[in-house]
Amino acid sequence: GITARLALVLSTAAMALASGSAVPGEEEEEPPPEDEERVSSQALLILVTLLIAALLTSYYLQRWRIRVVHETVLSIFAGMVVGLVLRFSTGSYIKRMVTFDHTVFFNMLLPPIILNCGYNLQKTAVARNMTAVLLFAFVGTVISAVVIGVLVQVYSLTGIESIGFTLLDSLILGTILSATDPVTILAVFEQLRVDPKLFSIIFGETVFNDAVAIVLFATLSTLRASGQDFGLHALPAMAWSFMVVFGASLAVGVALGVVMALLCKHLRLYEYPSIEASLALLLPYQAYLFSNAVELSGIVSLLFCAATVRQYAYKSLSVRSQRATRYLFHLLSGLAENFVFIYLGISLFTSTESEFRPVFVVYVMVATCISRYAAIFPLSRGLNAVFKYRHPNAPSSAQPVTHEEQTMLFWAGLRGAVAVALASEVSGPRGALLRTTVLCVVVLSVGIFGGTTPQVVHLLGIRTGVAQPDSSDEDESSDDGTGVIDLRTGATQLPVSRDDTPTRLASPWSEPGLSWVSRIKS
């Protein structure tokens, strides 16, 4: 089965990683300038070929309704096979080009994924479960980071494999591995059409979790760069830094989202749909880049900017731009997601700086599972206890998070590319060990948890085949002439009207007699 093949490739990875730099051709010099373009084309050809193969695999899995394995697991598996071949057959230059680069991930691959999440945020469903979402995303992420950090520090103190982590190093590793990956789980949920309540909780928790984990990582990294060690005296400053960064990033995102709404209201952009759609894409991206440039959280700014654009500027767009943005953001996100998993699979073998400690990898994997349990079940029981106190006669099925949903939340806590990208920013004597460990844990978690999600959904008896609300809580079929658009296939039913004028101004200032404060509250 796929699990056995994955285990075989992982065992081969262990031997290859343990061999370190003793690989033929590892010391090969870079090609001369006249050959650099050719080698770059070869590297890109490998990645594009794998991406096409992943898309065709996804097509047949959906066409034949195969639920045993998800395409993301197969993408990682294919990347690992190709990475293994490249490791022992090519020079170092081409391997470096196909190896995971955190700058490429953060600047090119992550923004489309977050943009699509924010633009298609299920506002009503997430708002209905906002208490659970924020509890898991903020408190749960902190608990997960602390539990992993403490367990790693205990392992370091035992002297096994002599990893030599300080408490701050352990907490940084915990913060990195507290970032969950929403791609695989949400893709499976969309295919199975699971209960919208569970979907909204996991969607909101994973999106906000990444933002919280990145801000926590930046805070601890600043402390590490200053040469200080972690202590209780540093907690107030860390908490203040976290709140300032998160709040300022949110303000940047909302501000640029409002700018887009004002541009749509006061300019006749609907007469130029290509310019209009381009601005809807570039303004959120500008928010992301600006926040990163001034050391804020780009992911927070991008998420809230995209949500603000969808809320207040979307209905001011022309019909063509509405269709283009929905479909384009979905398309870019899908391509980026598939590319990321291929990227990770190849990098497991092609990484030139690796330090593999098998016992430590297994220990960290177990610690990650323990931390996920500590972040989900105790908080869920507390949330349910408060609900039971306020509603003593309510049935158990009405609880904020049922036992089946708690188990699914635990299973949905697999780690992904955000963790690998954060680990790539860690330097120092233990940096190679940390990066290799995180990469192995990510591949294991995606293979084990992501590959078995459909079976777990079936075993838990979670409702599937449920009609999902639209991503923005609006019907895709409307009476404004937009027709029906299937974001997966792109098929469109003929609309009643194809006029490119805006359907209704939806900025906070568009309705007379209603203040902008009341508009936002509503």
Protein backbone atom coordinates (compact mmCIF):
# COMPACT_ATOMS: atom_id res chain seq x y z
CA GLY A 1 0.00 0.00 0.00
CA ILE A 2 0.92 3.65 -0.10
CA THR A 3 1.98 3.58 3.56
CA ALA A 4 4.46 0.78 2.92
CA ARG A 5 5.93 2.56 -0.09
CA LEU A 6 6.18 5.78 1.88
CA ALA A 7 7.97 3.95 4.68
CA LEU A 8 10.41 2.45 2.16
CA VAL A 9 11.22 5.84 0.67
CA LEU A 10 11.60 7.36 4.13
CA SER A 11 14.05 4.63 5.13
CA THR A 12 16.04 5.37 1.98
CA ALA A 13 15.87 9.06 2.92
CA ALA A 14 17.29 8.24 6.33
CA MET A 15 20.29 6.53 4.78
CA ALA A 16 20.80 9.34 2.27
CA LEU A 17 20.50 12.07 4.88
CA ALA A 18 22.74 10.20 7.29
CA SER A 19 25.41 10.06 4.58
CA GLY A 20 25.59 13.87 4.76
CA SER A 21 27.64 15.40 1.98
CA ALA A 22 29.17 12.14 0.83
CA VAL A 23 27.27 12.19 -2.42
CA PRO A 24 28.84 11.99 -5.88
CA GLY A 25 29.06 15.36 -7.55
CA GLU A 26 28.35 17.30 -4.37
CA GLU A 27 31.50 19.42 -4.76
CA GLU A 28 30.76 20.26 -8.40
CA GLU A 29 31.28 23.91 -9.25
CA GLU A 30 28.56 26.11 -10.63
CA PRO A 31 28.16 26.03 -14.42
CA PRO A 32 29.62 28.86 -16.50
CA PRO A 33 27.24 31.72 -17.36
CA GLU A 34 26.57 30.38 -20.86
CA ASP A 35 25.29 27.09 -19.38
CA GLU A 36 23.41 28.58 -16.45
CA GLU A 37 20.21 29.19 -18.42
CA ARG A 38 20.24 25.62 -19.74
CA VAL A 39 20.65 24.13 -16.27
CA SER A 40 17.93 26.42 -14.90
CA SER A 41 15.59 25.24 -17.65
CA GLN A 42 16.35 21.63 -16.72
CA ALA A 43 15.48 22.28 -13.09
CA LEU A 44 12.24 24.07 -13.97
CA LEU A 45 11.37 21.30 -16.43
CA ILE A 46 11.59 18.76 -13.63
CA LEU A 47 9.30 20.79 -11.38
CA VAL A 48 6.75 21.59 -14.11
CA THR A 49 6.65 17.96 -15.24
CA LEU A 50 5.94 16.84 -11.69
CA LEU A 51 3.25 19.52 -11.36
CA ILE A 52 1.52 18.33 -14.54
CA ALA A 53 1.71 14.74 -13.31
CA ALA A 54 0.19 15.80 -9.97
CA LEU A 55 -2.71 17.56 -11.72
CA LEU A 56 -3.42 14.54 -13.92
CA THR A 57 -3.26 12.30 -10.86
CA SER A 58 -5.74 14.57 -9.11
CA TYR A 59 -8.04 14.33 -12.12
CA TYR A 60 -8.10 10.52 -12.12
CA LEU A 61 -8.48 10.31 -8.34
CA GLN A 62 -11.54 12.55 -8.52
CA ARG A 63 -12.85 10.97 -11.72
CA TRP A 64 -12.67 7.45 -10.31
CA ARG A 65 -13.69 8.61 -6.79
CA ILE A 66 -10.61 7.10 -5.16
CA ARG A 67 -10.57 8.07 -1.47
CA VAL A 68 -7.85 5.74 -0.21
CA VAL A 69 -5.09 8.29 -0.76
CA HIS A 70 -5.05 12.02 -1.42
CA GLU A 71 -3.12 13.65 -4.26
CA THR A 72 -0.98 15.69 -1.86
CA VAL A 73 0.48 12.47 -0.43
CA LEU A 74 1.21 11.23 -3.95
CA SER A 75 2.79 14.60 -4.81
CA ILE A 76 5.18 14.32 -1.88
CA PHE A 77 5.90 10.68 -2.76
CA ALA A 78 6.66 11.55 -6.40
CA GLY A 79 8.87 14.44 -5.31
CA MET A 80 10.79 12.15 -2.97
CA VAL A 81 11.42 9.61 -5.74
CA VAL A 82 12.66 12.33 -8.12
CA GLY A 83 14.72 13.90 -5.34
CA LEU A 84 16.37 10.55 -4.62
CA VAL A 85 17.32 10.17 -8.28
CA LEU A 86 18.67 13.73 -8.42
CA ARG A 87 20.72 13.27 -5.27
CA PHE A 88 22.82 10.49 -6.77
CA SER A 89 22.81 11.49 -10.43
CA THR A 90 23.31 15.26 -10.86
CA GLY A 91 25.56 18.06 -9.72
CA SER A 92 25.04 20.34 -6.75
CA TYR A 93 23.85 23.33 -8.78
CA ILE A 94 20.70 21.74 -10.18
CA LYS A 95 19.96 20.21 -6.77
CA ARG A 96 20.14 23.64 -5.16
CA MET A 97 17.69 25.00 -7.72
CA VAL A 98 15.01 22.39 -6.96
CA THR A 99 15.58 22.41 -3.18
CA PHE A 100 13.05 24.20 -0.98
CA ASP A 101 13.83 27.91 -0.74
CA HIS A 102 12.00 29.77 2.01
CA THR A 103 12.19 33.09 0.13
CA VAL A 104 10.46 31.55 -2.89
CA PHE A 105 7.85 30.00 -0.61
CA PHE A 106 7.07 33.15 1.39
CA ASN A 107 7.13 35.55 -1.58
CA MET A 108 5.56 33.44 -4.34
CA LEU A 109 3.85 30.29 -3.08
CA LEU A 110 2.27 31.22 0.26
CA PRO A 111 0.53 34.49 -0.82
CA PRO A 112 -1.86 32.85 -3.35
CA ILE A 113 -2.93 30.26 -0.76
CA ILE A 114 -3.65 32.85 1.95
CA LEU A 115 -5.26 35.22 -0.56
CA ASN A 116 -7.70 32.52 -1.62
CA CYS A 117 -8.44 31.63 2.02
CA GLY A 118 -9.21 35.24 2.93
CA TYR A 119 -11.16 35.99 -0.25
CA ASN A 120 -13.33 32.88 0.16
CA LEU A 121 -13.68 33.09 3.93
CA GLN A 122 -16.99 31.67 5.13
CA LYS A 123 -17.79 34.65 7.29
CA THR A 124 -21.09 33.49 8.75
CA ALA A 125 -19.93 29.94 9.50
CA VAL A 126 -16.62 31.07 11.01
CA ALA A 127 -18.32 33.85 13.01
CA ARG A 128 -20.81 31.33 14.41
CA ASN A 129 -17.90 29.26 15.76
CA MET A 130 -15.58 32.18 16.43
CA THR A 131 -15.05 31.33 20.10
CA ALA A 132 -13.75 27.86 19.26
CA VAL A 133 -11.70 29.16 16.32
CA LEU A 134 -9.92 31.85 18.35
CA LEU A 135 -9.43 29.56 21.33
CA PHE A 136 -7.72 26.89 19.25
CA ALA A 137 -5.82 29.37 17.06
CA PHE A 138 -4.38 31.54 19.83
CA VAL A 139 -4.38 29.57 23.10
CA GLY A 140 -4.02 26.22 21.36
CA THR A 141 -1.02 27.36 19.32
CA VAL A 142 0.74 28.66 22.43
CA ILE A 143 0.03 25.40 24.29
CA SER A 144 1.33 23.36 21.36
CA ALA A 145 4.53 25.40 21.12
CA VAL A 146 5.22 25.19 24.86
CA VAL A 147 4.54 21.44 25.08
CA ILE A 148 6.84 20.65 22.16
CA GLY A 149 9.50 23.01 23.51
CA VAL A 150 9.45 21.47 27.00
CA LEU A 151 9.54 17.89 25.68
CA VAL A 152 12.44 18.70 23.31
CA GLN A 153 14.33 20.37 26.15
CA VAL A 154 13.85 17.28 28.32
CA TYR A 155 15.25 15.15 25.49
CA SER A 156 18.22 17.51 25.14
CA LEU A 157 18.99 17.32 28.85
CA THR A 158 19.12 13.51 28.73
CA GLY A 159 22.12 13.74 26.38
CA ILE A 160 20.71 11.23 23.88
CA GLU A 161 22.28 11.88 20.45
CA SER A 162 23.86 15.05 21.96
CA ILE A 163 21.58 17.53 20.25
CA GLY A 164 22.62 20.34 22.62
CA PHE A 165 19.46 22.47 22.39
CA THR A 166 18.99 25.40 24.75
CA LEU A 167 15.55 26.19 26.14
CA LEU A 168 15.16 28.97 23.58
CA ASP A 169 16.14 26.63 20.73
CA SER A 170 13.56 24.10 21.96
CA LEU A 171 10.83 26.73 22.13
CA ILE A 172 11.69 27.95 18.63
CA LEU A 173 11.35 24.38 17.37
CA GLY A 174 8.03 24.14 19.23
CA THR A 175 6.81 27.36 17.66
CA ILE A 176 7.79 26.15 14.19
CA LEU A 177 5.98 22.83 14.60
CA SER A 178 2.90 24.51 16.08
CA ALA A 179 2.09 25.83 12.58
CA THR A 180 -0.45 23.43 11.08
CA ASP A 181 -1.16 22.88 7.39
CA PRO A 182 -4.72 23.42 6.13
CA VAL A 183 -4.19 22.34 2.53
CA THR A 184 -4.54 18.56 2.66
CA ILE A 185 -7.32 18.39 5.23
CA LEU A 186 -9.44 21.13 3.66
CA ALA A 187 -9.00 19.64 0.20
CA VAL A 188 -10.27 16.30 1.48
CA PHE A 189 -13.15 18.01 3.30
CA GLU A 190 -14.18 19.86 0.14
CA GLN A 191 -14.25 16.63 -1.84
CA LEU A 192 -16.22 14.77 0.85
CA ARG A 193 -18.43 17.82 1.58
CA VAL A 194 -18.22 17.34 5.33
CA ASP A 195 -20.35 19.06 7.96
CA PRO A 196 -20.01 22.86 7.43
CA LYS A 197 -19.58 23.40 11.18
CA LEU A 198 -16.50 21.18 11.37
CA PHE A 199 -15.16 22.61 8.12
CA SER A 200 -15.46 26.19 9.39
CA ILE A 201 -13.74 25.41 12.71
CA ILE A 202 -10.78 23.69 11.06
CA PHE A 203 -10.61 26.32 8.31
CA GLY A 204 -10.55 29.22 10.76
CA GLU A 205 -8.22 27.49 13.20
CA THR A 206 -5.60 26.55 10.61
CA VAL A 207 -5.59 29.95 8.87
CA PHE A 208 -5.25 31.95 12.10
CA ASN A 209 -2.88 29.33 13.55
CA ASP A 210 -0.30 29.97 10.82
CA ALA A 211 -0.45 33.70 11.48
CA VAL A 212 -0.01 33.24 15.24
CA ALA A 213 2.84 30.74 14.80
CA ILE A 214 4.72 33.09 12.45
CA VAL A 215 4.39 36.03 14.84
CA LEU A 216 5.52 33.88 17.79
CA PHE A 217 8.47 32.61 15.77
CA ALA A 218 9.49 36.16 14.84
CA THR A 219 9.27 37.21 18.51
CA LEU A 220 11.45 34.34 19.73
CA SER A 221 13.91 34.78 16.86
CA THR A 222 14.37 38.43 17.79
CA LEU A 223 15.12 37.36 21.37
CA ARG A 224 17.62 34.77 20.08
CA ALA A 225 19.33 37.24 17.74
CA SER A 226 19.88 39.66 20.63
CA GLY A 227 21.87 36.97 22.44
CA GLN A 228 19.39 36.62 25.29
CA ASP A 229 18.05 33.37 26.67
CA PHE A 230 14.43 32.66 27.43
CA GLY A 231 13.13 33.34 30.92
CA LEU A 232 9.98 34.34 32.73
CA HIS A 233 11.19 37.93 32.78
CA ALA A 234 10.90 38.01 28.98
CA LEU A 235 7.22 37.01 28.88
CA PRO A 236 5.67 40.51 29.28
CA ALA A 237 7.85 41.95 26.51
CA MET A 238 7.07 38.99 24.26
CA ALA A 239 3.33 39.33 24.88
CA TRP A 240 3.45 43.05 24.12
CA SER A 241 5.51 42.50 20.98
CA PHE A 242 3.07 39.85 19.81
CA MET A 243 0.04 42.09 20.31
CA VAL A 244 1.70 45.06 18.58
CA VAL A 245 2.79 43.03 15.56
CA PHE A 246 -0.53 41.24 15.21
CA GLY A 247 -2.61 44.40 15.69
CA ALA A 248 -0.49 46.51 13.34
CA SER A 249 -0.54 43.79 10.68
CA LEU A 250 -4.31 43.53 10.92
CA ALA A 251 -4.63 47.33 10.59
CA VAL A 252 -2.44 47.36 7.47
CA GLY A 253 -4.53 44.66 5.82
CA VAL A 254 -7.86 46.29 6.61
CA ALA A 255 -6.59 49.72 5.52
CA LEU A 256 -5.52 48.54 2.08
CA GLY A 257 -8.75 46.57 1.74
CA VAL A 258 -10.68 49.79 2.39
CA VAL A 259 -8.49 51.57 -0.18
CA MET A 260 -9.62 49.00 -2.76
CA ALA A 261 -13.25 49.59 -1.78
CA LEU A 262 -12.83 53.37 -2.18
CA LEU A 263 -11.17 52.95 -5.56
CA CYS A 264 -14.08 50.82 -6.75
CA LYS A 265 -16.57 53.37 -5.41
CA HIS A 266 -15.06 56.60 -6.73
CA LEU A 267 -13.39 55.43 -9.97
CA ARG A 268 -15.06 53.89 -13.00
CA LEU A 269 -12.85 50.82 -12.81
CA TYR A 270 -15.71 48.58 -13.91
CA GLU A 271 -15.23 49.95 -17.42
CA TYR A 272 -11.77 48.33 -17.46
CA PRO A 273 -12.22 44.83 -15.98
CA SER A 274 -8.59 43.76 -16.54
CA ILE A 275 -7.28 46.72 -14.53
CA GLU A 276 -9.96 46.19 -11.89
CA ALA A 277 -9.16 42.50 -11.40
CA SER A 278 -5.42 43.24 -11.38
CA LEU A 279 -5.86 45.76 -8.56
CA ALA A 280 -7.93 43.24 -6.58
CA LEU A 281 -4.96 40.88 -6.85
CA LEU A 282 -2.13 43.35 -6.31
CA LEU A 283 -3.44 45.40 -3.37
CA PRO A 284 -3.61 42.39 -1.00
CA TYR A 285 -0.18 41.33 -2.25
CA GLN A 286 1.08 44.85 -1.54
CA ALA A 287 -0.25 44.56 2.01
CA TYR A 288 1.66 41.29 2.39
CA LEU A 289 4.94 42.70 1.07
CA PHE A 290 4.64 45.94 3.03
CA SER A 291 4.11 44.13 6.34
CA ASN A 292 7.05 41.82 5.69
CA ALA A 293 9.22 44.79 4.73
CA VAL A 294 8.55 46.60 8.03
CA GLU A 295 8.87 43.38 10.10
CA LEU A 296 5.18 42.86 10.68
CA SER A 297 3.21 39.73 9.78
CA GLY A 298 2.50 39.60 6.06
CA ILE A 299 0.20 36.62 6.40
CA VAL A 300 -2.08 38.50 8.83
CA SER A 301 -2.19 41.57 6.59
CA LEU A 302 -2.90 39.51 3.47
CA LEU A 303 -5.64 37.48 5.16
CA PHE A 304 -7.55 40.49 6.46
CA CYS A 305 -6.97 42.57 3.32
CA ALA A 306 -8.44 39.79 1.16
CA ALA A 307 -11.42 39.41 3.51
CA THR A 308 -12.01 43.19 3.49
CA VAL A 309 -11.82 43.36 -0.30
CA ARG A 310 -14.36 40.55 -0.59
CA GLN A 311 -16.69 42.16 1.94
CA TYR A 312 -16.64 45.77 0.79
CA ALA A 313 -15.28 45.87 -2.77
CA TYR A 314 -16.53 42.67 -4.38
CA LYS A 315 -20.02 43.82 -5.33
CA SER A 316 -18.62 47.05 -6.70
CA LEU A 317 -16.61 45.05 -9.23
CA SER A 318 -17.88 44.40 -12.71
CA VAL A 319 -19.34 40.97 -13.44
CA ARG A 320 -16.23 39.98 -15.39
CA SER A 321 -13.94 40.98 -12.51
CA GLN A 322 -16.09 39.11 -9.99
CA ARG A 323 -15.74 35.95 -12.04
CA ALA A 324 -12.07 36.53 -12.80
CA THR A 325 -11.03 37.11 -9.19
CA ARG A 326 -12.93 34.12 -7.82
CA TYR A 327 -11.60 31.77 -10.45
CA LEU A 328 -8.07 33.22 -10.67
CA PHE A 329 -7.47 33.15 -6.91
CA HIS A 330 -8.75 29.59 -6.72
CA LEU A 331 -6.55 28.55 -9.64
CA LEU A 332 -3.37 30.18 -8.29
CA SER A 333 -3.97 28.68 -4.86
CA GLY A 334 -4.40 25.18 -6.29
CA LEU A 335 -1.21 25.41 -8.35
CA ALA A 336 0.76 26.76 -5.39
CA GLU A 337 -0.51 24.02 -3.08
CA ASN A 338 0.47 21.22 -5.47
CA PHE A 339 3.83 22.84 -6.14
CA VAL A 340 4.58 23.15 -2.42
CA PHE A 341 4.14 19.43 -1.75
CA ILE A 342 6.31 18.49 -4.73
CA TYR A 343 8.86 21.00 -3.49
CA LEU A 344 8.90 19.41 -0.03
CA GLY A 345 9.27 15.87 -1.39
CA ILE A 346 12.25 16.77 -3.58
CA SER A 347 13.91 18.73 -0.77
CA LEU A 348 13.97 15.72 1.53
CA PHE A 349 16.83 14.31 -0.59
CA THR A 350 18.36 17.28 -2.37
CA SER A 351 19.07 19.40 0.72
CA THR A 352 22.83 19.85 0.95
CA GLU A 353 22.95 20.84 4.63
CA SER A 354 21.35 18.06 6.61
CA GLU A 355 21.92 16.48 10.01
CA PHE A 356 19.72 13.46 10.51
CA ARG A 357 19.10 12.01 13.99
CA PRO A 358 16.51 9.21 13.60
CA VAL A 359 15.64 8.82 17.28
CA PHE A 360 15.20 12.56 17.64
CA VAL A 361 12.91 12.69 14.58
CA VAL A 362 10.67 9.97 16.02
CA TYR A 363 10.68 11.65 19.44
CA VAL A 364 9.72 15.04 17.95
CA MET A 365 6.95 13.37 15.93
CA VAL A 366 5.53 11.86 19.11
CA ALA A 367 5.93 15.19 20.93
CA THR A 368 4.01 16.91 18.12
CA CYS A 369 1.10 14.48 18.55
CA ILE A 370 1.12 15.00 22.32
CA SER A 371 1.12 18.78 21.88
CA ARG A 372 -1.81 18.58 19.46
CA TYR A 373 -3.75 16.50 21.97
CA ALA A 374 -3.00 19.03 24.73
CA ALA A 375 -4.10 21.90 22.49
CA ILE A 376 -7.43 20.36 21.46
CA PHE A 377 -9.04 18.11 24.05
CA PRO A 378 -8.60 20.15 27.29
CA LEU A 379 -9.71 23.37 25.57
CA SER A 380 -12.69 21.60 24.01
CA ARG A 381 -13.77 20.17 27.37
CA GLY A 382 -13.53 23.62 28.93
CA LEU A 383 -15.53 25.15 26.11
CA ASN A 384 -18.18 22.44 26.39
CA ALA A 385 -18.32 22.82 30.18
CA VAL A 386 -19.05 26.54 29.88
CA PHE A 387 -21.73 25.79 27.28
CA LYS A 388 -23.28 23.12 29.52
CA TYR A 389 -23.35 25.54 32.46
CA ARG A 390 -25.14 28.18 30.39
CA HIS A 391 -27.45 25.69 28.65
CA PRO A 392 -28.02 22.80 31.10
CA ASN A 393 -30.83 21.25 29.05
CA ALA A 394 -29.06 21.31 25.69
CA PRO A 395 -28.31 17.90 24.10
CA SER A 396 -24.71 16.74 23.73
CA SER A 397 -24.92 17.14 19.96
CA ALA A 398 -25.38 20.90 20.48
CA GLN A 399 -22.00 21.26 22.21
CA PRO A 400 -19.55 23.71 20.60
CA VAL A 401 -17.16 20.85 19.84
CA THR A 402 -18.40 17.26 20.06
CA HIS A 403 -16.09 14.34 20.80
CA GLU A 404 -16.02 13.29 17.14
CA GLU A 405 -15.14 16.83 16.09
CA GLN A 406 -12.39 16.96 18.73
CA THR A 407 -10.87 13.78 17.33
CA MET A 408 -11.05 15.14 13.80
CA LEU A 409 -9.44 18.40 14.94
CA PHE A 410 -6.62 16.37 16.46
CA TRP A 411 -6.18 14.43 13.22
CA ALA A 412 -6.24 17.64 11.18
CA GLY A 413 -3.17 19.00 12.97
CA LEU A 414 -0.62 17.81 10.44
CA ARG A 415 2.38 20.04 9.73
CA GLY A 416 3.18 21.57 6.36
CA ALA A 417 5.27 23.95 4.29
CA VAL A 418 4.95 26.91 6.69
CA ALA A 419 6.92 24.94 9.29
CA VAL A 420 9.62 24.05 6.75
CA ALA A 421 9.87 27.68 5.59
CA LEU A 422 10.22 28.95 9.16
CA ALA A 423 12.86 26.32 9.90
CA SER A 424 14.83 27.51 6.86
CA GLU A 425 15.32 30.86 8.58
CA VAL A 426 17.05 29.32 11.59
CA SER A 427 20.84 29.53 11.57
CA GLY A 428 23.53 28.60 14.03
CA PRO A 429 25.26 25.35 15.00
CA ARG A 430 21.98 23.49 15.48
CA GLY A 431 20.26 24.94 12.42
CA ALA A 432 20.92 21.96 10.11
CA LEU A 433 19.56 19.49 12.68
CA LEU A 434 16.47 21.60 13.26
CA ARG A 435 15.75 22.00 9.53
CA THR A 436 16.20 18.30 8.79
CA THR A 437 14.03 17.29 11.73
CA VAL A 438 11.22 19.65 10.76
CA LEU A 439 11.29 18.47 7.14
CA CYS A 440 11.09 14.80 8.19
CA VAL A 441 8.25 15.49 10.64
CA VAL A 442 6.29 17.37 7.98
CA VAL A 443 6.64 14.54 5.45
CA LEU A 444 5.66 11.96 8.07
CA SER A 445 2.65 13.93 9.29
CA VAL A 446 1.33 14.58 5.77
CA GLY A 447 1.82 10.93 4.84
CA ILE A 448 0.25 9.50 8.00
CA PHE A 449 -2.48 11.99 8.91
CA GLY A 450 -3.21 13.46 5.49
CA GLY A 451 -3.25 10.09 3.78
CA THR A 452 -5.73 8.57 6.22
CA THR A 453 -8.14 11.48 6.64
CA PRO A 454 -10.98 10.00 4.51
CA GLN A 455 -10.88 6.77 6.53
CA VAL A 456 -10.93 8.65 9.84
CA VAL A 457 -13.90 10.73 8.69
CA HIS A 458 -15.75 7.51 7.88
CA LEU A 459 -14.81 5.79 11.16
CA LEU A 460 -15.93 8.77 13.25
CA GLY A 461 -19.29 8.87 11.49
CA ILE A 462 -18.91 12.53 10.53
CA ARG A 463 -21.60 13.75 8.14
CA THR A 464 -20.51 13.95 4.52
CA GLY A 465 -22.27 14.93 1.32
CA VAL A 466 -23.65 18.05 3.03
CA ALA A 467 -24.39 21.08 0.87
CA GLN A 468 -21.68 23.62 1.56
CA PRO A 469 -22.44 27.33 1.85
CA ASP A 470 -20.77 29.61 -0.63
CA SER A 471 -17.31 30.76 0.34
CA SER A 472 -18.59 34.28 0.97
CA ASP A 473 -22.01 33.26 2.25
CA GLU A 474 -23.66 34.28 -1.03
CA ASP A 475 -25.26 32.09 -3.65
CA GLU A 476 -23.17 31.66 -6.75
CA SER A 477 -26.42 31.90 -8.64
CA SER A 478 -27.83 35.37 -8.18
CA ASP A 479 -30.31 37.63 -9.83
CA ASP A 480 -27.73 40.20 -10.83
CA GLY A 481 -26.80 38.41 -14.01
CA THR A 482 -23.64 36.73 -12.83
CA GLY A 483 -24.83 33.18 -13.53
CA VAL A 484 -23.43 30.08 -11.85
CA ILE A 485 -19.69 29.43 -11.74
CA ASP A 486 -18.13 26.13 -10.72
CA LEU A 487 -14.73 27.12 -9.33
CA ARG A 488 -13.40 23.59 -9.82
CA THR A 489 -14.35 23.18 -13.49
CA GLY A 490 -14.90 26.77 -14.57
CA ALA A 491 -18.25 25.85 -16.15
CA THR A 492 -20.70 28.74 -16.26
CA GLN A 493 -24.42 28.65 -16.86
CA LEU A 494 -25.72 31.36 -19.18
CA PRO A 495 -26.63 34.47 -17.17
CA VAL A 496 -29.68 36.57 -17.69
CA SER A 497 -27.57 39.64 -18.39
CA ARG A 498 -23.91 40.11 -19.23
CA ASP A 499 -23.70 43.79 -18.42
CA ASP A 500 -20.32 44.80 -16.98
CA THR A 501 -21.69 47.54 -14.77
CA PRO A 502 -21.40 47.06 -11.01
CA THR A 503 -24.31 45.23 -9.42
CA ARG A 504 -24.41 47.10 -6.15
CA LEU A 505 -21.95 49.27 -4.27
CA ALA A 506 -21.01 47.47 -1.09
CA SER A 507 -18.47 49.75 0.54
CA PRO A 508 -19.17 50.94 4.10
CA TRP A 509 -20.18 54.34 2.73
CA SER A 510 -22.42 53.18 -0.13
CA GLU A 511 -25.81 53.30 1.60
CA PRO A 512 -27.19 56.72 2.52
CA GLY A 513 -28.46 57.18 6.01
CA LEU A 514 -26.26 54.40 7.39
CA SER A 515 -23.07 55.28 9.19
CA TRP A 516 -19.90 53.34 8.39
CA VAL A 517 -19.71 52.14 12.00
CA SER A 518 -23.21 50.64 11.75
CA ARG A 519 -22.35 49.17 8.36
CA ILE A 520 -19.30 47.37 9.72
CA LYS A 521 -21.19 46.09 12.78
CA SER A 522 -23.93 44.73 10.58
